[in-house]
Amino acid sequence: MMLGNRKGKAIGKKLIYDDAGNPMEYLVFRDKFVDRDFTKVFFGKLLDQIEENQEADVGSNGLLKGLGFLGKLVGLMGYDNHIRMTQNEIAEPLELSVSATKRFLGTLEKLDLLVSKGHGDYMISPEVFSQVGNKERIIAWEEWMKIKAKKRHSKLEKCCTV
């Protein structure tokens, strides 16, 4: 997992053991403990994204598999909603083939739940998933919108250039 040391706010990490004696890693933020496995999921927005992108033509089976993949992918996400891994690096811990990983990443992009910045840098929609407070989520959302605008501009240039 990535630590996501955003603007130097993380001051360390600590292992805490649960009742069964299993270690749980926490990041220490200004004397607060943050559970690394905690992610806010905004289900209303997730359902809106799926409904708004029905024309993506992924089919119901593709949609269910894509959402299952997304759930696993969130586990690889850093606190800035980025996954800085190549498709090969993503496929390995998820125990998938690289071609299946590529297909699922494409499905999530069609559903507007993920955007590729290229060269092993993906970003999961901060409108749907977040591991940080509102201030940091707004920063991630602004970055998300800039990436999407840049991609739209790039597509327009490709289609309209002769």
Protein backbone atom coordinates (compact mmCIF):
# COMPACT_ATOMS: atom_id res chain seq x y z
CA MET A 1 0.00 0.00 0.00
CA MET A 2 1.08 3.55 -0.65
CA LEU A 3 1.49 5.87 2.28
CA GLY A 4 0.25 9.12 0.68
CA ASN A 5 2.38 11.53 2.69
CA ARG A 6 0.30 14.58 1.67
CA LYS A 7 2.09 17.93 2.22
CA GLY A 8 4.09 16.56 5.14
CA LYS A 9 1.02 16.11 7.37
CA ALA A 10 1.83 12.49 8.12
CA ILE A 11 4.34 12.49 10.94
CA GLY A 12 4.88 8.74 11.20
CA LYS A 13 3.29 5.33 11.24
CA LYS A 14 2.46 2.98 14.06
CA LEU A 15 1.49 -0.65 14.44
CA ILE A 16 -1.46 -1.36 16.69
CA TYR A 17 -2.64 -4.88 17.45
CA ASP A 18 -6.30 -5.90 17.39
CA ASP A 19 -7.96 -8.26 19.90
CA ALA A 20 -6.77 -11.31 17.97
CA GLY A 21 -3.16 -10.07 18.02
CA ASN A 22 -3.11 -9.16 14.33
CA PRO A 23 -1.02 -6.09 13.47
CA MET A 24 -2.84 -3.12 11.92
CA GLU A 25 -0.82 -0.29 10.39
CA TYR A 26 -1.90 3.28 11.09
CA LEU A 27 -0.50 6.56 9.88
CA VAL A 28 -0.03 9.20 12.56
CA PHE A 29 -1.37 12.61 11.55
CA ARG A 30 -0.75 15.37 14.07
CA ASP A 31 -1.25 13.01 17.01
CA LYS A 32 -4.31 11.34 15.42
CA PHE A 33 -4.48 7.76 14.22
CA VAL A 34 -5.90 7.16 10.76
CA ASP A 35 -6.99 3.67 9.75
CA ARG A 36 -5.29 2.90 6.44
CA ASP A 37 -8.09 0.53 5.42
CA PHE A 38 -10.88 3.09 5.84
CA THR A 39 -12.41 4.50 2.66
CA LYS A 40 -15.53 6.65 2.36
CA VAL A 41 -17.78 5.42 -0.41
CA PHE A 42 -20.42 7.80 -1.71
CA PHE A 43 -22.93 5.24 -3.01
CA GLY A 44 -25.37 7.83 -4.33
CA LYS A 45 -22.65 9.31 -6.53
CA LEU A 46 -21.46 5.84 -7.56
CA LEU A 47 -24.97 4.95 -8.73
CA ASP A 48 -25.28 8.33 -10.48
CA GLN A 49 -22.02 7.70 -12.36
CA ILE A 50 -23.25 4.30 -13.53
CA GLU A 51 -26.63 5.71 -14.60
CA GLU A 52 -25.09 8.71 -16.39
CA ASN A 53 -22.77 6.44 -18.35
CA GLN A 54 -25.24 3.80 -19.49
CA GLU A 55 -24.12 4.43 -23.07
CA ALA A 56 -20.69 3.03 -22.09
CA ASP A 57 -22.03 -0.35 -23.31
CA VAL A 58 -20.23 -2.52 -20.77
CA GLY A 59 -23.17 -4.87 -20.19
CA SER A 60 -24.48 -5.99 -16.81
CA ASN A 61 -21.89 -8.76 -16.42
CA GLY A 62 -19.07 -6.35 -17.33
CA LEU A 63 -20.50 -3.81 -14.91
CA LEU A 64 -20.59 -6.27 -12.00
CA LYS A 65 -17.08 -7.53 -12.71
CA GLY A 66 -15.85 -3.96 -13.15
CA LEU A 67 -17.32 -2.92 -9.79
CA GLY A 68 -15.74 -5.96 -8.12
CA PHE A 69 -12.40 -4.96 -9.66
CA LEU A 70 -12.95 -1.38 -8.48
CA GLY A 71 -13.44 -2.59 -4.92
CA LYS A 72 -10.07 -4.36 -5.06
CA LEU A 73 -8.43 -1.42 -6.81
CA VAL A 74 -9.45 0.95 -4.00
CA GLY A 75 -7.21 -1.15 -1.75
CA LEU A 76 -4.23 -0.06 -3.87
CA MET A 77 -5.27 3.61 -3.86
CA GLY A 78 -3.18 6.23 -2.07
CA TYR A 79 -4.64 9.03 0.02
CA ASP A 80 -4.60 11.30 -3.04
CA ASN A 81 -6.84 8.82 -4.94
CA HIS A 82 -3.94 7.87 -7.22
CA ILE A 83 -2.70 4.41 -8.04
CA ARG A 84 0.87 4.82 -9.21
CA MET A 85 1.42 1.36 -10.62
CA THR A 86 1.70 -0.14 -14.09
CA GLN A 87 -0.94 -2.56 -15.32
CA ASN A 88 1.49 -5.44 -14.60
CA GLU A 89 1.98 -4.17 -11.04
CA ILE A 90 -1.78 -3.84 -10.53
CA ALA A 91 -2.50 -7.31 -11.95
CA GLU A 92 -0.11 -9.15 -9.63
CA PRO A 93 -1.65 -8.44 -6.17
CA LEU A 94 -5.17 -8.75 -7.61
CA GLU A 95 -4.24 -12.13 -9.11
CA LEU A 96 -5.48 -11.18 -12.58
CA SER A 97 -3.95 -11.40 -16.02
CA VAL A 98 -2.62 -8.17 -17.49
CA SER A 99 -5.22 -8.34 -20.27
CA ALA A 100 -8.07 -8.67 -17.73
CA THR A 101 -6.61 -5.78 -15.74
CA LYS A 102 -6.42 -3.64 -18.89
CA ARG A 103 -10.04 -4.53 -19.78
CA PHE A 104 -11.32 -3.67 -16.27
CA LEU A 105 -9.40 -0.38 -16.21
CA GLY A 106 -11.02 0.47 -19.55
CA THR A 107 -14.47 -0.39 -18.17
CA LEU A 108 -13.94 1.91 -15.19
CA GLU A 109 -12.78 4.73 -17.50
CA LYS A 110 -15.92 4.28 -19.62
CA LEU A 111 -18.01 4.56 -16.44
CA ASP A 112 -16.13 7.75 -15.49
CA LEU A 113 -14.93 6.20 -12.23
CA LEU A 114 -11.24 6.19 -13.14
CA VAL A 115 -8.96 8.28 -15.31
CA SER A 116 -5.50 7.39 -16.59
CA LYS A 117 -2.85 10.08 -16.44
CA GLY A 118 -0.59 7.76 -18.42
CA HIS A 119 2.66 5.98 -17.58
CA GLY A 120 1.33 3.99 -14.61
CA ASP A 121 -0.65 6.77 -12.93
CA TYR A 122 -4.38 6.24 -12.47
CA MET A 123 -6.81 8.28 -10.40
CA ILE A 124 -10.05 6.97 -8.90
CA SER A 125 -12.90 9.48 -8.79
CA PRO A 126 -12.78 11.48 -5.54
CA GLU A 127 -16.49 12.12 -6.05
CA VAL A 128 -17.10 8.45 -5.27
CA PHE A 129 -14.19 7.35 -3.03
CA SER A 130 -12.15 9.20 -0.44
CA GLN A 131 -9.73 8.31 2.34
CA VAL A 132 -9.21 11.87 3.57
CA GLY A 133 -11.17 14.81 4.97
CA ASN A 134 -13.21 17.26 2.91
CA LYS A 135 -10.40 19.78 2.33
CA GLU A 136 -8.09 17.16 0.81
CA ARG A 137 -11.00 15.62 -1.10
CA ILE A 138 -11.73 19.00 -2.71
CA ILE A 139 -8.07 19.27 -3.77
CA ALA A 140 -8.27 15.77 -5.30
CA TRP A 141 -11.57 16.65 -7.00
CA GLU A 142 -10.02 19.79 -8.57
CA GLU A 143 -7.15 17.68 -9.90
CA TRP A 144 -9.67 15.11 -11.21
CA MET A 145 -11.56 17.85 -13.10
CA LYS A 146 -8.31 19.23 -14.63
CA ILE A 147 -7.29 15.77 -15.85
CA LYS A 148 -10.73 15.16 -17.37
CA ALA A 149 -10.72 18.59 -19.07
CA LYS A 150 -7.28 17.91 -20.52
CA LYS A 151 -8.46 14.51 -21.84
CA ARG A 152 -11.59 16.09 -23.40
CA HIS A 153 -9.44 18.77 -25.06
CA SER A 154 -7.08 16.09 -26.37
CA LYS A 155 -10.00 14.08 -27.83
CA LEU A 156 -11.38 17.21 -29.52
CA GLU A 157 -8.02 17.96 -31.08
CA LYS A 158 -7.77 14.38 -32.43
CA CYS A 159 -11.26 14.36 -33.93
CA CYS A 160 -11.12 17.84 -35.42
CA THR A 161 -7.56 17.85 -36.79
CA VAL A 162 -7.27 16.94 -40.43
